[in-house]
Amino acid sequence: MADVLEGNKSDDDPALAVEMAVRSGAVSQTQLAKGMNVDRSLLSKVLRGKKPWPQGWLDRAIEWLASNSGSQVKDDLSSKQDDNKFGAASVAE
């Protein structure tokens, strides 16, 4: 999991790491749902906090992300996180 979101607080919270992978665009909800072999609609509700994680889903999501996150995903996440940091800094100045 650390490979997907290296250097992020999400290492302490796997659910947050999965949510961030989807929000960042590193993986789509549809891709993740297909990879986990689960219903996309229910996964969407889980990621939005409307439903709790069904037993075993979080582990499946983490495993799928770990096995399907090449260096391009890590690079994309890094650049998006950097963009957010710089964007927030320029607004505050």
Protein backbone atom coordinates (compact mmCIF):
# COMPACT_ATOMS: atom_id res chain seq x y z
CA MET A 1 0.00 0.00 0.00
CA ALA A 2 2.86 2.36 0.73
CA ASP A 3 3.86 1.92 -2.93
CA VAL A 4 0.56 3.44 -4.09
CA LEU A 5 0.62 6.50 -1.85
CA GLU A 6 4.20 6.79 -0.72
CA GLY A 7 4.94 9.46 1.87
CA ASN A 8 1.29 10.13 2.74
CA LYS A 9 -0.72 9.92 5.96
CA SER A 10 -2.86 7.32 4.19
CA ASP A 11 -0.23 4.71 5.15
CA ASP A 12 -1.88 4.77 8.58
CA ASP A 13 -5.41 4.52 7.18
CA PRO A 14 -5.88 2.00 4.37
CA ALA A 15 -9.45 3.19 3.67
CA LEU A 16 -8.15 6.72 3.15
CA ALA A 17 -5.42 5.41 0.88
CA VAL A 18 -7.98 3.66 -1.32
CA GLU A 19 -10.18 6.76 -1.40
CA MET A 20 -7.21 8.95 -2.32
CA ALA A 21 -6.18 6.60 -5.13
CA VAL A 22 -9.64 7.02 -6.64
CA ARG A 23 -9.92 10.77 -5.98
CA SER A 24 -6.51 11.45 -7.47
CA GLY A 25 -7.48 9.70 -10.68
CA ALA A 26 -4.82 7.03 -10.24
CA VAL A 27 -7.62 4.50 -10.67
CA SER A 28 -11.31 4.93 -11.44
CA GLN A 29 -14.09 3.56 -9.28
CA THR A 30 -15.10 1.38 -12.21
CA GLN A 31 -11.59 -0.06 -12.57
CA LEU A 32 -11.35 -0.71 -8.85
CA ALA A 33 -14.81 -2.31 -8.70
CA LYS A 34 -13.99 -4.57 -11.65
CA GLY A 35 -10.62 -5.47 -10.15
CA MET A 36 -12.25 -6.34 -6.84
CA ASN A 37 -15.20 -8.03 -8.58
CA VAL A 38 -17.74 -5.95 -6.64
CA ASP A 39 -20.70 -3.72 -7.50
CA ARG A 40 -19.52 -0.25 -8.57
CA SER A 41 -22.55 1.48 -7.07
CA LEU A 42 -21.97 -0.04 -3.64
CA LEU A 43 -18.25 0.70 -3.85
CA SER A 44 -19.11 4.34 -4.60
CA LYS A 45 -21.26 4.52 -1.45
CA VAL A 46 -18.48 2.95 0.59
CA LEU A 47 -15.89 5.40 -0.74
CA ARG A 48 -18.20 8.33 0.04
CA GLY A 49 -18.70 7.07 3.59
CA LYS A 50 -22.40 6.34 3.07
CA LYS A 51 -21.92 2.62 3.74
CA PRO A 52 -19.34 0.79 5.86
CA TRP A 53 -16.67 -1.33 4.21
CA PRO A 54 -18.10 -4.85 3.78
CA GLN A 55 -15.95 -7.53 5.34
CA GLY A 56 -12.93 -8.30 3.17
CA TRP A 57 -13.45 -5.44 0.71
CA LEU A 58 -10.76 -3.16 2.10
CA ASP A 59 -8.18 -5.95 1.94
CA ARG A 60 -9.24 -6.75 -1.63
CA ALA A 61 -9.00 -3.09 -2.63
CA ILE A 62 -5.54 -2.74 -1.13
CA GLU A 63 -4.32 -5.93 -2.76
CA TRP A 64 -5.71 -4.89 -6.14
CA LEU A 65 -4.18 -1.42 -5.92
CA ALA A 66 -0.83 -2.86 -4.86
CA SER A 67 -0.75 -5.31 -7.75
CA ASN A 68 -2.05 -2.84 -10.34
CA SER A 69 -0.17 0.31 -9.44
CA GLY A 70 2.86 0.68 -11.64
CA SER A 71 5.31 3.52 -11.47
CA GLN A 72 3.00 5.66 -13.64
CA VAL A 73 0.34 5.56 -10.92
CA LYS A 74 2.88 6.56 -8.28
CA ASP A 75 4.16 9.39 -10.50
CA ASP A 76 0.63 10.62 -11.15
CA LEU A 77 -0.18 10.61 -7.44
CA SER A 78 3.02 12.43 -6.60
CA SER A 79 2.45 15.18 -9.13
CA LYS A 80 -1.20 15.62 -8.11
CA GLN A 81 -0.21 15.88 -4.45
CA ASP A 82 2.50 18.43 -5.35
CA ASP A 83 0.01 20.42 -7.44
CA ASN A 84 -2.38 20.54 -4.50
CA LYS A 85 0.38 21.73 -2.14
CA PHE A 86 1.48 24.49 -4.50
CA GLY A 87 -2.08 25.51 -5.27
CA ALA A 88 -2.93 25.82 -1.59
CA ALA A 89 0.26 27.77 -0.90
CA SER A 90 -0.38 30.31 -3.66
CA VAL A 91 -3.93 30.94 -2.49
CA ALA A 92 -2.77 31.50 1.09
CA GLU A 93 -0.12 34.04 0.06
